[in-house]
Amino acid sequence: MEGMDVLADLAEALVEQASDAGSGRALLGIAGVPGAGKSTLAEALVAEVAARRGAGWVAQVPMDGFHLADAQLERIGLRDRKGAPPTFDARGYAALLRRLREDIDRDVYAPGFERALEQPLAGAVVVPAGVRLVVTEGNYLLLEGDWAEARAALDAVWFVEGDDALRRQRLVARHVEFGKSAEHAEAWVAAVDDRNTELVRAAAGGADRVVLAVDDGWVTQSDWP
């Protein structure tokens, strides 16, 4: 199946899921290893659903807004592991997801992440009242511990995979774009991102659906050769 056809089918599945929620709100999580294309898929799905039901029907909320600020990472001694599971406010993220499910008649504000500053930004994202579907993406939605609270607040979690060499190239390029030298970026990917990748892949079996990022879009697990 062609990549764009898969996207259309996935979007239609989300519309049906949200419609089945009655007057409530459906929440989809998109997990995956660093650099796999989670945000790209989330953005594409939101655009596809919005084309079907309107922009006020769907919203996107990133997990990245729950990065701990550098001041807190310095305090707890994890500045050199920024992006690892303990460098996020996992329970705060779960609390937001629960609020998004329950508080559907008022605007809900959420933090974003400013890449140029490499810092979270309070109130940068809004989920307007009446939105029926929220798509959220992040590496750790399938992990245990505090992250299990976030998983429990989601209706489903999809897992994104992709070509590993391309994924690492993207990560290095992203780190360079936002201020690291090429040498520092490659060392960071090897020491931090690759370590996080192992944790995330070990939990992938808990996903409700697996989506593979390919050159022309996506394929689902059942379509893989």
N, C-alpha and C. Protein backbone atom coordinates (compact mmCIF):
# COMPACT_ATOMS: atom_id res chain seq x y z
N MET A 1 0.84 -1.18 0.00
CA MET A 1 0.00 0.00 0.00
C MET A 1 0.88 1.24 0.00
N GLU A 2 0.51 2.26 -0.81
CA GLU A 2 1.30 3.47 -0.90
C GLU A 2 1.26 4.24 0.41
N GLY A 3 2.37 4.98 0.67
CA GLY A 3 2.50 5.69 1.93
C GLY A 3 1.36 6.66 2.21
N MET A 4 0.92 7.43 1.21
CA MET A 4 -0.14 8.39 1.46
C MET A 4 -1.47 7.70 1.67
N ASP A 5 -1.70 6.56 1.02
CA ASP A 5 -2.91 5.78 1.26
C ASP A 5 -2.94 5.27 2.69
N VAL A 6 -1.77 4.87 3.19
CA VAL A 6 -1.68 4.42 4.58
C VAL A 6 -2.04 5.57 5.51
N LEU A 7 -1.51 6.77 5.23
CA LEU A 7 -1.83 7.93 6.06
C LEU A 7 -3.33 8.19 6.09
N ALA A 8 -3.96 8.10 4.94
CA ALA A 8 -5.41 8.32 4.87
C ALA A 8 -6.15 7.27 5.70
N ASP A 9 -5.72 6.02 5.61
CA ASP A 9 -6.36 4.95 6.38
C ASP A 9 -6.16 5.15 7.88
N LEU A 10 -4.95 5.57 8.27
CA LEU A 10 -4.69 5.81 9.68
C LEU A 10 -5.54 6.98 10.20
N ALA A 11 -5.65 8.02 9.41
CA ALA A 11 -6.46 9.16 9.82
C ALA A 11 -7.92 8.76 9.96
N GLU A 12 -8.40 7.95 9.05
CA GLU A 12 -9.79 7.50 9.12
C GLU A 12 -10.02 6.65 10.36
N ALA A 13 -9.04 5.83 10.71
CA ALA A 13 -9.15 5.03 11.92
C ALA A 13 -9.24 5.93 13.16
N LEU A 14 -8.50 7.03 13.16
CA LEU A 14 -8.56 7.96 14.28
C LEU A 14 -9.91 8.66 14.36
N VAL A 15 -10.46 9.03 13.22
CA VAL A 15 -11.78 9.66 13.20
C VAL A 15 -12.82 8.71 13.79
N GLU A 16 -12.74 7.44 13.41
CA GLU A 16 -13.68 6.46 13.94
C GLU A 16 -13.50 6.28 15.44
N GLN A 17 -12.24 6.25 15.89
CA GLN A 17 -11.96 6.09 17.31
C GLN A 17 -12.54 7.25 18.11
N ALA A 18 -12.32 8.47 17.62
CA ALA A 18 -12.84 9.64 18.33
C ALA A 18 -14.35 9.68 18.29
N SER A 19 -14.94 9.25 17.18
CA SER A 19 -16.40 9.23 17.08
C SER A 19 -16.99 8.22 18.06
N ASP A 20 -16.28 7.12 18.27
CA ASP A 20 -16.75 6.10 19.22
C ASP A 20 -16.71 6.59 20.65
N ALA A 21 -15.97 7.67 20.91
CA ALA A 21 -15.88 8.21 22.26
C ALA A 21 -17.12 8.98 22.67
N GLY A 22 -18.10 9.06 21.77
CA GLY A 22 -19.33 9.77 22.08
C GLY A 22 -19.07 11.25 22.24
N SER A 23 -19.51 11.81 23.37
CA SER A 23 -19.32 13.24 23.61
C SER A 23 -17.98 13.53 24.27
N GLY A 24 -17.16 12.50 24.49
CA GLY A 24 -15.87 12.68 25.14
C GLY A 24 -14.78 13.02 24.15
N ARG A 25 -13.54 12.84 24.60
CA ARG A 25 -12.38 13.17 23.78
C ARG A 25 -11.46 11.96 23.72
N ALA A 26 -10.96 11.63 22.53
CA ALA A 26 -10.04 10.52 22.35
C ALA A 26 -8.61 11.03 22.36
N LEU A 27 -7.70 10.22 22.92
CA LEU A 27 -6.28 10.58 22.99
C LEU A 27 -5.44 9.47 22.38
N LEU A 28 -4.63 9.82 21.38
CA LEU A 28 -3.70 8.89 20.76
C LEU A 28 -2.28 9.29 21.10
N GLY A 29 -1.46 8.34 21.53
CA GLY A 29 -0.04 8.57 21.74
C GLY A 29 0.78 7.96 20.61
N ILE A 30 1.80 8.66 20.18
CA ILE A 30 2.73 8.15 19.18
C ILE A 30 4.10 8.07 19.82
N ALA A 31 4.60 6.86 20.00
CA ALA A 31 5.91 6.62 20.62
C ALA A 31 6.91 6.19 19.56
N GLY A 32 8.16 6.16 19.94
CA GLY A 32 9.20 5.72 19.02
C GLY A 32 10.56 6.16 19.52
N VAL A 33 11.58 5.64 18.91
CA VAL A 33 12.95 5.97 19.33
C VAL A 33 13.30 7.39 18.88
N PRO A 34 14.32 8.00 19.48
CA PRO A 34 14.72 9.36 19.07
C PRO A 34 15.03 9.43 17.57
N GLY A 35 14.42 10.39 16.90
CA GLY A 35 14.68 10.60 15.49
C GLY A 35 13.91 9.71 14.54
N ALA A 36 12.95 8.93 15.05
CA ALA A 36 12.23 7.98 14.19
C ALA A 36 11.19 8.66 13.30
N GLY A 37 10.74 9.85 13.67
CA GLY A 37 9.74 10.54 12.87
C GLY A 37 8.39 10.65 13.56
N LYS A 38 8.39 10.64 14.89
CA LYS A 38 7.13 10.72 15.65
C LYS A 38 6.38 12.03 15.36
N SER A 39 7.10 13.14 15.46
CA SER A 39 6.46 14.44 15.25
C SER A 39 5.97 14.58 13.81
N THR A 40 6.74 14.05 12.86
CA THR A 40 6.33 14.13 11.45
C THR A 40 5.04 13.38 11.23
N LEU A 41 4.92 12.18 11.79
CA LEU A 41 3.69 11.42 11.65
C LEU A 41 2.54 12.11 12.37
N ALA A 42 2.79 12.60 13.58
CA ALA A 42 1.73 13.27 14.34
C ALA A 42 1.20 14.47 13.56
N GLU A 43 2.10 15.29 13.03
CA GLU A 43 1.68 16.46 12.27
C GLU A 43 0.89 16.08 11.03
N ALA A 44 1.33 15.02 10.35
CA ALA A 44 0.63 14.58 9.14
C ALA A 44 -0.76 14.05 9.47
N LEU A 45 -0.87 13.30 10.56
CA LEU A 45 -2.17 12.77 10.97
C LEU A 45 -3.12 13.89 11.36
N VAL A 46 -2.62 14.86 12.12
CA VAL A 46 -3.47 15.98 12.53
C VAL A 46 -3.96 16.75 11.31
N ALA A 47 -3.09 16.98 10.34
CA ALA A 47 -3.49 17.69 9.12
C ALA A 47 -4.52 16.88 8.34
N GLU A 48 -4.33 15.57 8.27
CA GLU A 48 -5.25 14.71 7.51
C GLU A 48 -6.62 14.65 8.19
N VAL A 49 -6.63 14.54 9.52
CA VAL A 49 -7.91 14.52 10.24
C VAL A 49 -8.59 15.88 10.12
N ALA A 50 -7.81 16.95 10.23
CA ALA A 50 -8.39 18.29 10.12
C ALA A 50 -9.02 18.51 8.74
N ALA A 51 -8.42 17.94 7.72
CA ALA A 51 -8.97 18.07 6.37
C ALA A 51 -10.33 17.38 6.26
N ARG A 52 -10.53 16.34 7.08
CA ARG A 52 -11.80 15.61 7.06
C ARG A 52 -12.86 16.27 7.95
N ARG A 53 -12.44 16.72 9.14
CA ARG A 53 -13.40 17.17 10.15
C ARG A 53 -13.27 18.63 10.54
N GLY A 54 -12.24 19.30 10.09
CA GLY A 54 -12.04 20.70 10.45
C GLY A 54 -10.96 20.87 11.50
N ALA A 55 -10.32 22.05 11.49
CA ALA A 55 -9.18 22.30 12.38
C ALA A 55 -9.58 22.29 13.85
N GLY A 56 -10.83 22.59 14.16
CA GLY A 56 -11.27 22.61 15.54
C GLY A 56 -11.61 21.25 16.11
N TRP A 57 -11.38 20.20 15.33
CA TRP A 57 -11.76 18.84 15.75
C TRP A 57 -10.58 18.08 16.34
N VAL A 58 -9.35 18.52 16.04
CA VAL A 58 -8.15 17.76 16.40
C VAL A 58 -7.04 18.71 16.82
N ALA A 59 -6.21 18.27 17.75
CA ALA A 59 -5.08 19.08 18.21
C ALA A 59 -3.89 18.18 18.52
N GLN A 60 -2.71 18.78 18.53
CA GLN A 60 -1.46 18.06 18.80
C GLN A 60 -0.80 18.63 20.04
N VAL A 61 -0.36 17.74 20.93
CA VAL A 61 0.32 18.16 22.16
C VAL A 61 1.61 17.35 22.30
N PRO A 62 2.78 17.97 22.27
CA PRO A 62 4.04 17.22 22.37
C PRO A 62 4.41 16.91 23.82
N MET A 63 5.02 15.76 24.03
CA MET A 63 5.56 15.42 25.35
C MET A 63 6.76 16.29 25.67
N ASP A 64 7.42 16.84 24.66
CA ASP A 64 8.66 17.58 24.84
C ASP A 64 8.51 18.78 25.77
N GLY A 65 7.29 19.31 25.91
CA GLY A 65 7.08 20.43 26.80
C GLY A 65 7.33 20.09 28.26
N PHE A 66 7.45 18.80 28.55
CA PHE A 66 7.68 18.36 29.92
C PHE A 66 9.14 18.02 30.20
N HIS A 67 10.05 18.43 29.30
CA HIS A 67 11.47 18.45 29.64
C HIS A 67 11.65 19.26 30.92
N LEU A 68 12.51 18.82 31.81
CA LEU A 68 12.91 19.67 32.92
C LEU A 68 13.84 20.76 32.40
N ALA A 69 13.69 21.96 32.92
CA ALA A 69 14.56 23.06 32.53
C ALA A 69 16.00 22.77 32.96
N ASP A 70 16.95 23.40 32.28
CA ASP A 70 18.37 23.16 32.59
C ASP A 70 18.70 23.42 34.06
N ALA A 71 18.04 24.41 34.66
CA ALA A 71 18.30 24.72 36.07
C ALA A 71 17.98 23.52 36.95
N GLN A 72 16.91 22.80 36.62
CA GLN A 72 16.54 21.61 37.39
C GLN A 72 17.47 20.44 37.09
N LEU A 73 17.89 20.32 35.85
CA LEU A 73 18.82 19.25 35.50
C LEU A 73 20.16 19.43 36.20
N GLU A 74 20.59 20.67 36.29
CA GLU A 74 21.82 20.96 37.05
C GLU A 74 21.63 20.58 38.52
N ARG A 75 20.47 20.89 39.06
CA ARG A 75 20.20 20.63 40.48
C ARG A 75 20.25 19.14 40.80
N ILE A 76 19.73 18.30 39.88
CA ILE A 76 19.67 16.86 40.15
C ILE A 76 20.82 16.09 39.48
N GLY A 77 21.74 16.83 38.86
CA GLY A 77 22.92 16.19 38.30
C GLY A 77 22.70 15.41 37.02
N LEU A 78 21.72 15.83 36.19
CA LEU A 78 21.41 15.10 34.97
C LEU A 78 21.54 15.96 33.71
N ARG A 79 22.27 17.06 33.81
CA ARG A 79 22.40 17.94 32.65
C ARG A 79 23.02 17.22 31.46
N ASP A 80 23.93 16.27 31.72
CA ASP A 80 24.60 15.56 30.63
C ASP A 80 23.77 14.40 30.10
N ARG A 81 22.56 14.21 30.64
CA ARG A 81 21.67 13.16 30.13
C ARG A 81 20.34 13.74 29.64
N LYS A 82 20.34 15.01 29.32
CA LYS A 82 19.11 15.69 28.89
C LYS A 82 18.44 14.92 27.75
N GLY A 83 17.16 14.62 27.94
CA GLY A 83 16.41 13.83 26.97
C GLY A 83 16.17 12.41 27.41
N ALA A 84 16.87 11.96 28.47
CA ALA A 84 16.65 10.62 29.02
C ALA A 84 15.37 10.62 29.86
N PRO A 85 14.80 9.46 30.13
CA PRO A 85 13.52 9.41 30.85
C PRO A 85 13.46 10.21 32.14
N PRO A 86 14.48 10.16 33.02
CA PRO A 86 14.35 10.90 34.28
C PRO A 86 14.52 12.41 34.14
N THR A 87 14.73 12.91 32.92
CA THR A 87 14.88 14.36 32.73
C THR A 87 13.57 14.99 32.27
N PHE A 88 12.46 14.26 32.42
CA PHE A 88 11.12 14.76 32.12
C PHE A 88 10.25 14.71 33.36
N ASP A 89 9.23 15.56 33.39
CA ASP A 89 8.21 15.51 34.42
C ASP A 89 7.11 14.55 33.95
N ALA A 90 7.35 13.25 34.10
CA ALA A 90 6.43 12.25 33.57
C ALA A 90 5.04 12.33 34.22
N ARG A 91 5.01 12.56 35.51
CA ARG A 91 3.72 12.62 36.19
C ARG A 91 2.96 13.90 35.85
N GLY A 92 3.68 14.98 35.63
CA GLY A 92 3.03 16.21 35.18
C GLY A 92 2.40 16.02 33.80
N TYR A 93 3.11 15.31 32.94
CA TYR A 93 2.59 15.00 31.60
C TYR A 93 1.33 14.14 31.72
N ALA A 94 1.36 13.13 32.58
CA ALA A 94 0.18 12.28 32.77
C ALA A 94 -0.99 13.08 33.30
N ALA A 95 -0.73 14.01 34.21
CA ALA A 95 -1.80 14.85 34.74
C ALA A 95 -2.44 15.69 33.64
N LEU A 96 -1.62 16.21 32.73
CA LEU A 96 -2.17 16.97 31.61
C LEU A 96 -3.05 16.08 30.74
N LEU A 97 -2.60 14.86 30.45
CA LEU A 97 -3.40 13.96 29.62
C LEU A 97 -4.75 13.67 30.27
N ARG A 98 -4.74 13.46 31.58
CA ARG A 98 -6.01 13.22 32.26
C ARG A 98 -6.92 14.44 32.18
N ARG A 99 -6.33 15.62 32.30
CA ARG A 99 -7.14 16.84 32.19
C ARG A 99 -7.70 16.99 30.78
N LEU A 100 -6.90 16.66 29.79
CA LEU A 100 -7.38 16.75 28.41
C LEU A 100 -8.57 15.83 28.18
N ARG A 101 -8.57 14.69 28.81
CA ARG A 101 -9.69 13.76 28.67
C ARG A 101 -10.94 14.28 29.35
N GLU A 102 -10.75 14.91 30.50
CA GLU A 102 -11.89 15.28 31.34
C GLU A 102 -12.42 16.69 31.08
N ASP A 103 -11.55 17.62 30.75
CA ASP A 103 -11.91 19.03 30.68
C ASP A 103 -12.10 19.44 29.22
N ILE A 104 -13.21 19.03 28.65
CA ILE A 104 -13.41 19.21 27.22
C ILE A 104 -14.19 20.46 26.86
N ASP A 105 -14.70 21.16 27.85
CA ASP A 105 -15.53 22.34 27.58
C ASP A 105 -14.80 23.66 27.75
N ARG A 106 -13.49 23.60 28.12
CA ARG A 106 -12.69 24.81 28.26
C ARG A 106 -11.35 24.63 27.56
N ASP A 107 -10.75 25.74 27.14
CA ASP A 107 -9.41 25.67 26.57
C ASP A 107 -8.44 25.12 27.61
N VAL A 108 -7.55 24.24 27.17
CA VAL A 108 -6.51 23.70 28.04
C VAL A 108 -5.15 24.09 27.47
N TYR A 109 -4.32 24.71 28.30
CA TYR A 109 -2.99 25.13 27.86
C TYR A 109 -1.95 24.11 28.30
N ALA A 110 -0.95 23.93 27.45
CA ALA A 110 0.11 22.95 27.72
C ALA A 110 1.45 23.57 27.36
N PRO A 111 2.53 23.08 27.98
CA PRO A 111 3.86 23.61 27.64
C PRO A 111 4.35 23.09 26.30
N GLY A 112 5.15 23.86 25.63
CA GLY A 112 5.82 23.43 24.42
C GLY A 112 7.32 23.35 24.69
N PHE A 113 8.09 23.14 23.63
CA PHE A 113 9.55 23.08 23.77
C PHE A 113 10.17 23.95 22.70
N GLU A 114 10.97 24.91 23.12
CA GLU A 114 11.61 25.85 22.21
C GLU A 114 12.98 25.32 21.82
N ARG A 115 13.10 24.83 20.60
CA ARG A 115 14.35 24.19 20.16
C ARG A 115 15.52 25.17 20.16
N ALA A 116 15.25 26.41 19.78
CA ALA A 116 16.34 27.38 19.72
C ALA A 116 16.96 27.62 21.10
N LEU A 117 16.13 27.52 22.14
CA LEU A 117 16.60 27.70 23.51
C LEU A 117 16.93 26.37 24.18
N GLU A 118 16.42 25.28 23.61
CA GLU A 118 16.53 23.95 24.23
C GLU A 118 15.90 23.95 25.62
N GLN A 119 14.75 24.64 25.74
CA GLN A 119 14.06 24.78 27.02
C GLN A 119 12.55 24.63 26.83
N PRO A 120 11.84 24.13 27.86
CA PRO A 120 10.38 24.10 27.81
C PRO A 120 9.83 25.52 27.89
N LEU A 121 8.63 25.71 27.36
CA LEU A 121 8.01 27.02 27.32
C LEU A 121 6.56 26.89 27.78
N ALA A 122 6.25 27.44 28.95
CA ALA A 122 4.92 27.28 29.55
C ALA A 122 3.84 27.90 28.68
N GLY A 123 2.70 27.22 28.59
CA GLY A 123 1.53 27.76 27.92
C GLY A 123 1.68 27.97 26.44
N ALA A 124 2.62 27.29 25.80
CA ALA A 124 2.88 27.52 24.37
C ALA A 124 1.88 26.80 23.47
N VAL A 125 1.16 25.83 24.00
CA VAL A 125 0.23 25.01 23.21
C VAL A 125 -1.16 25.15 23.82
N VAL A 126 -2.18 25.25 22.97
CA VAL A 126 -3.55 25.27 23.46
C VAL A 126 -4.35 24.18 22.77
N VAL A 127 -5.17 23.49 23.56
CA VAL A 127 -6.16 22.57 23.02
C VAL A 127 -7.51 23.24 23.24
N PRO A 128 -8.12 23.76 22.18
CA PRO A 128 -9.36 24.51 22.34
C PRO A 128 -10.51 23.63 22.84
N ALA A 129 -11.44 24.27 23.52
CA ALA A 129 -12.66 23.56 23.94
C ALA A 129 -13.33 22.95 22.71
N GLY A 130 -13.85 21.76 22.88
CA GLY A 130 -14.57 21.12 21.78
C GLY A 130 -13.74 20.21 20.91
N VAL A 131 -12.40 20.25 21.05
CA VAL A 131 -11.56 19.32 20.27
C VAL A 131 -11.92 17.89 20.65
N ARG A 132 -12.08 17.04 19.65
CA ARG A 132 -12.52 15.67 19.89
C ARG A 132 -11.37 14.67 19.94
N LEU A 133 -10.25 15.03 19.34
CA LEU A 133 -9.11 14.11 19.26
C LEU A 133 -7.82 14.87 19.55
N VAL A 134 -7.01 14.34 20.46
CA VAL A 134 -5.69 14.89 20.73
C VAL A 134 -4.64 13.84 20.36
N VAL A 135 -3.66 14.25 19.59
CA VAL A 135 -2.52 13.40 19.24
C VAL A 135 -1.31 13.92 19.99
N THR A 136 -0.67 13.05 20.76
CA THR A 136 0.51 13.44 21.51
C THR A 136 1.65 12.49 21.16
N GLU A 137 2.87 13.01 21.12
CA GLU A 137 3.99 12.16 20.72
C GLU A 137 5.16 12.32 21.67
N GLY A 138 5.90 11.22 21.88
CA GLY A 138 7.06 11.25 22.75
C GLY A 138 7.74 9.90 22.79
N ASN A 139 9.00 9.89 23.18
CA ASN A 139 9.77 8.65 23.17
C ASN A 139 9.25 7.61 24.15
N TYR A 140 8.75 8.05 25.32
CA TYR A 140 8.68 7.15 26.47
C TYR A 140 7.28 6.73 26.87
N LEU A 141 6.34 6.81 25.98
CA LEU A 141 4.94 6.54 26.32
C LEU A 141 4.67 5.09 26.69
N LEU A 142 5.59 4.19 26.39
CA LEU A 142 5.38 2.77 26.68
C LEU A 142 6.25 2.27 27.82
N LEU A 143 6.99 3.17 28.47
CA LEU A 143 7.85 2.74 29.57
C LEU A 143 7.04 2.51 30.85
N GLU A 144 7.64 1.80 31.78
CA GLU A 144 6.99 1.53 33.06
C GLU A 144 7.27 2.66 34.05
N GLY A 145 6.97 2.45 35.32
CA GLY A 145 7.18 3.47 36.33
C GLY A 145 6.20 4.61 36.17
N ASP A 146 6.67 5.84 36.40
CA ASP A 146 5.79 7.00 36.31
C ASP A 146 5.17 7.14 34.92
N TRP A 147 5.86 6.66 33.89
CA TRP A 147 5.34 6.77 32.53
C TRP A 147 4.08 5.95 32.33
N ALA A 148 3.87 4.94 33.15
CA ALA A 148 2.67 4.11 33.01
C ALA A 148 1.41 4.92 33.27
N GLU A 149 1.51 6.00 34.06
CA GLU A 149 0.35 6.86 34.28
C GLU A 149 -0.07 7.54 32.98
N ALA A 150 0.91 7.95 32.19
CA ALA A 150 0.60 8.57 30.90
C ALA A 150 -0.04 7.56 29.96
N ARG A 151 0.53 6.35 29.93
CA ARG A 151 -0.04 5.31 29.05
C ARG A 151 -1.49 5.02 29.43
N ALA A 152 -1.79 5.01 30.72
CA ALA A 152 -3.14 4.70 31.17
C ALA A 152 -4.14 5.77 30.76
N ALA A 153 -3.66 6.99 30.52
CA ALA A 153 -4.54 8.09 30.13
C ALA A 153 -4.82 8.12 28.63
N LEU A 154 -4.14 7.27 27.86
CA LEU A 154 -4.28 7.26 26.40
C LEU A 154 -5.17 6.11 25.95
N ASP A 155 -5.93 6.34 24.89
CA ASP A 155 -6.76 5.27 24.34
C ASP A 155 -5.91 4.24 23.60
N ALA A 156 -4.86 4.70 22.95
CA ALA A 156 -3.99 3.80 22.19
C ALA A 156 -2.63 4.47 22.03
N VAL A 157 -1.60 3.64 21.81
CA VAL A 157 -0.26 4.13 21.51
C VAL A 157 0.24 3.42 20.26
N TRP A 158 0.65 4.20 19.28
CA TRP A 158 1.28 3.66 18.07
C TRP A 158 2.77 3.86 18.17
N PHE A 159 3.53 2.93 17.61
CA PHE A 159 4.99 2.97 17.69
C PHE A 159 5.55 3.18 16.29
N VAL A 160 6.44 4.17 16.14
CA VAL A 160 7.04 4.50 14.84
C VAL A 160 8.46 3.96 14.80
N GLU A 161 8.79 3.30 13.71
CA GLU A 161 10.15 2.83 13.45
C GLU A 161 10.62 3.38 12.10
N GLY A 162 11.93 3.31 11.87
CA GLY A 162 12.48 3.77 10.60
C GLY A 162 13.89 3.26 10.41
N ASP A 163 14.50 3.66 9.30
CA ASP A 163 15.86 3.25 9.00
C ASP A 163 16.81 3.83 10.05
N ASP A 164 17.62 2.96 10.66
CA ASP A 164 18.46 3.38 11.78
C ASP A 164 19.56 4.36 11.37
N ALA A 165 20.19 4.12 10.22
CA ALA A 165 21.27 5.02 9.79
C ALA A 165 20.71 6.41 9.50
N LEU A 166 19.57 6.48 8.83
CA LEU A 166 18.95 7.77 8.53
C LEU A 166 18.51 8.46 9.82
N ARG A 167 17.98 7.68 10.75
CA ARG A 167 17.55 8.23 12.03
C ARG A 167 18.72 8.91 12.75
N ARG A 168 19.88 8.26 12.79
CA ARG A 168 21.03 8.82 13.47
C ARG A 168 21.54 10.06 12.74
N GLN A 169 21.49 10.05 11.42
CA GLN A 169 21.90 11.23 10.65
C GLN A 169 21.01 12.43 11.00
N ARG A 170 19.71 12.18 11.11
CA ARG A 170 18.78 13.25 11.47
C ARG A 170 19.08 13.80 12.86
N LEU A 171 19.38 12.92 13.79
CA LEU A 171 19.68 13.35 15.15
C LEU A 171 20.92 14.23 15.19
N VAL A 172 21.97 13.80 14.51
CA VAL A 172 23.20 14.58 14.47
C VAL A 172 22.92 15.95 13.85
N ALA A 173 22.19 15.96 12.74
CA ALA A 173 21.87 17.23 12.06
C ALA A 173 21.05 18.14 12.96
N ARG A 174 20.12 17.56 13.72
CA ARG A 174 19.28 18.35 14.62
C ARG A 174 20.13 18.98 15.73
N HIS A 175 21.03 18.20 16.30
CA HIS A 175 21.88 18.74 17.36
C HIS A 175 22.80 19.85 16.83
N VAL A 176 23.30 19.67 15.62
CA VAL A 176 24.16 20.70 15.03
C VAL A 176 23.35 21.97 14.77
N GLU A 177 22.13 21.80 14.25
CA GLU A 177 21.28 22.95 13.95
C GLU A 177 21.04 23.82 15.19
N PHE A 178 20.96 23.16 16.34
CA PHE A 178 20.63 23.90 17.55
C PHE A 178 21.83 24.11 18.47
N GLY A 179 23.04 24.16 17.85
CA GLY A 179 24.17 24.71 18.56
C GLY A 179 25.35 23.81 18.88
N LYS A 180 25.22 22.49 18.73
CA LYS A 180 26.35 21.62 19.03
C LYS A 180 27.29 21.55 17.82
N SER A 181 28.57 21.34 18.07
CA SER A 181 29.49 21.07 16.98
C SER A 181 29.19 19.68 16.42
N ALA A 182 29.66 19.40 15.21
CA ALA A 182 29.43 18.09 14.62
C ALA A 182 30.00 16.98 15.50
N GLU A 183 31.19 17.23 16.04
CA GLU A 183 31.83 16.22 16.89
C GLU A 183 31.03 15.99 18.18
N HIS A 184 30.59 17.09 18.78
CA HIS A 184 29.80 16.99 20.00
C HIS A 184 28.47 16.31 19.71
N ALA A 185 27.85 16.63 18.57
CA ALA A 185 26.57 16.03 18.21
C ALA A 185 26.69 14.52 18.04
N GLU A 186 27.72 14.07 17.36
CA GLU A 186 27.91 12.63 17.16
C GLU A 186 28.17 11.92 18.48
N ALA A 187 28.94 12.56 19.36
CA ALA A 187 29.21 11.97 20.67
C ALA A 187 27.93 11.91 21.50
N TRP A 188 27.09 12.94 21.40
CA TRP A 188 25.84 12.97 22.16
C TRP A 188 24.90 11.86 21.68
N VAL A 189 24.80 11.69 20.38
CA VAL A 189 23.93 10.63 19.84
C VAL A 189 24.39 9.27 20.34
N ALA A 190 25.70 9.04 20.33
CA ALA A 190 26.23 7.75 20.76
C ALA A 190 26.04 7.52 22.26
N ALA A 191 26.23 8.58 23.06
CA ALA A 191 26.21 8.42 24.52
C ALA A 191 24.82 8.54 25.12
N VAL A 192 23.95 9.37 24.52
CA VAL A 192 22.64 9.65 25.11
C VAL A 192 21.50 9.09 24.25
N ASP A 193 21.42 9.52 22.99
CA ASP A 193 20.29 9.11 22.16
C ASP A 193 20.26 7.61 21.92
N ASP A 194 21.42 7.01 21.65
CA ASP A 194 21.43 5.57 21.40
C ASP A 194 21.06 4.78 22.66
N ARG A 195 21.47 5.28 23.81
CA ARG A 195 21.10 4.64 25.07
C ARG A 195 19.59 4.71 25.28
N ASN A 196 19.01 5.86 24.98
CA ASN A 196 17.56 6.00 25.10
C ASN A 196 16.83 5.12 24.09
N THR A 197 17.42 4.97 22.92
CA THR A 197 16.82 4.12 21.89
C THR A 197 16.66 2.69 22.38
N GLU A 198 17.65 2.17 23.06
CA GLU A 198 17.56 0.81 23.59
C GLU A 198 16.39 0.66 24.56
N LEU A 199 16.21 1.64 25.43
CA LEU A 199 15.10 1.59 26.39
C LEU A 199 13.75 1.61 25.67
N VAL A 200 13.63 2.48 24.69
CA VAL A 200 12.36 2.64 23.99
C VAL A 200 12.02 1.39 23.19
N ARG A 201 12.99 0.85 22.48
CA ARG A 201 12.72 -0.36 21.67
C ARG A 201 12.37 -1.56 22.55
N ALA A 202 12.93 -1.62 23.74
CA ALA A 202 12.63 -2.73 24.63
C ALA A 202 11.17 -2.74 25.06
N ALA A 203 10.52 -1.58 24.99
CA ALA A 203 9.12 -1.47 25.41
C ALA A 203 8.14 -1.46 24.24
N ALA A 204 8.65 -1.60 23.02
CA ALA A 204 7.80 -1.45 21.83
C ALA A 204 6.71 -2.49 21.73
N GLY A 205 6.88 -3.62 22.40
CA GLY A 205 5.87 -4.67 22.33
C GLY A 205 4.53 -4.28 22.92
N GLY A 206 4.51 -3.21 23.70
CA GLY A 206 3.25 -2.75 24.28
C GLY A 206 2.44 -1.86 23.38
N ALA A 207 2.90 -1.60 22.17
CA ALA A 207 2.19 -0.71 21.25
C ALA A 207 0.95 -1.39 20.68
N ASP A 208 -0.05 -0.58 20.37
CA ASP A 208 -1.27 -1.08 19.74
C ASP A 208 -1.12 -1.22 18.23
N ARG A 209 -0.19 -0.48 17.66
CA ARG A 209 0.04 -0.52 16.21
C ARG A 209 1.47 -0.08 15.96
N VAL A 210 2.12 -0.67 14.96
CA VAL A 210 3.48 -0.27 14.57
C VAL A 210 3.42 0.34 13.17
N VAL A 211 4.05 1.50 13.01
CA VAL A 211 4.08 2.20 11.72
C VAL A 211 5.54 2.40 11.35
N LEU A 212 5.88 2.06 10.13
CA LEU A 212 7.25 2.20 9.64
C LEU A 212 7.35 3.42 8.74
N ALA A 213 8.28 4.32 9.05
CA ALA A 213 8.53 5.50 8.22
C ALA A 213 9.38 5.09 7.02
N VAL A 214 8.93 5.38 5.82
CA VAL A 214 9.65 5.07 4.59
C VAL A 214 9.78 6.36 3.77
N ASP A 215 10.49 6.27 2.65
CA ASP A 215 10.79 7.46 1.86
C ASP A 215 9.55 8.22 1.41
N ASP A 216 8.49 7.49 1.02
CA ASP A 216 7.30 8.15 0.47
C ASP A 216 6.16 8.22 1.46
N GLY A 217 6.45 8.03 2.74
CA GLY A 217 5.38 8.14 3.72
C GLY A 217 5.52 7.09 4.82
N TRP A 218 4.52 6.24 4.94
CA TRP A 218 4.49 5.24 6.01
C TRP A 218 3.85 3.96 5.51
N VAL A 219 4.22 2.87 6.15
CA VAL A 219 3.52 1.60 5.96
C VAL A 219 3.22 1.04 7.34
N THR A 220 2.16 0.27 7.44
CA THR A 220 1.83 -0.37 8.70
C THR A 220 2.48 -1.74 8.73
N GLN A 221 2.54 -2.32 9.92
CA GLN A 221 3.26 -3.58 10.11
C GLN A 221 2.73 -4.66 9.18
N SER A 222 1.42 -4.70 8.94
CA SER A 222 0.84 -5.74 8.10
C SER A 222 1.25 -5.58 6.64
N ASP A 223 1.75 -4.38 6.26
CA ASP A 223 2.15 -4.13 4.87
C ASP A 223 3.64 -4.34 4.63
N TRP A 224 4.40 -4.67 5.69
CA TRP A 224 5.83 -4.83 5.52
C TRP A 224 6.12 -6.06 4.70
N PRO A 225 7.20 -6.01 3.90
CA PRO A 225 7.57 -7.21 3.13
C PRO A 225 8.03 -8.34 4.03
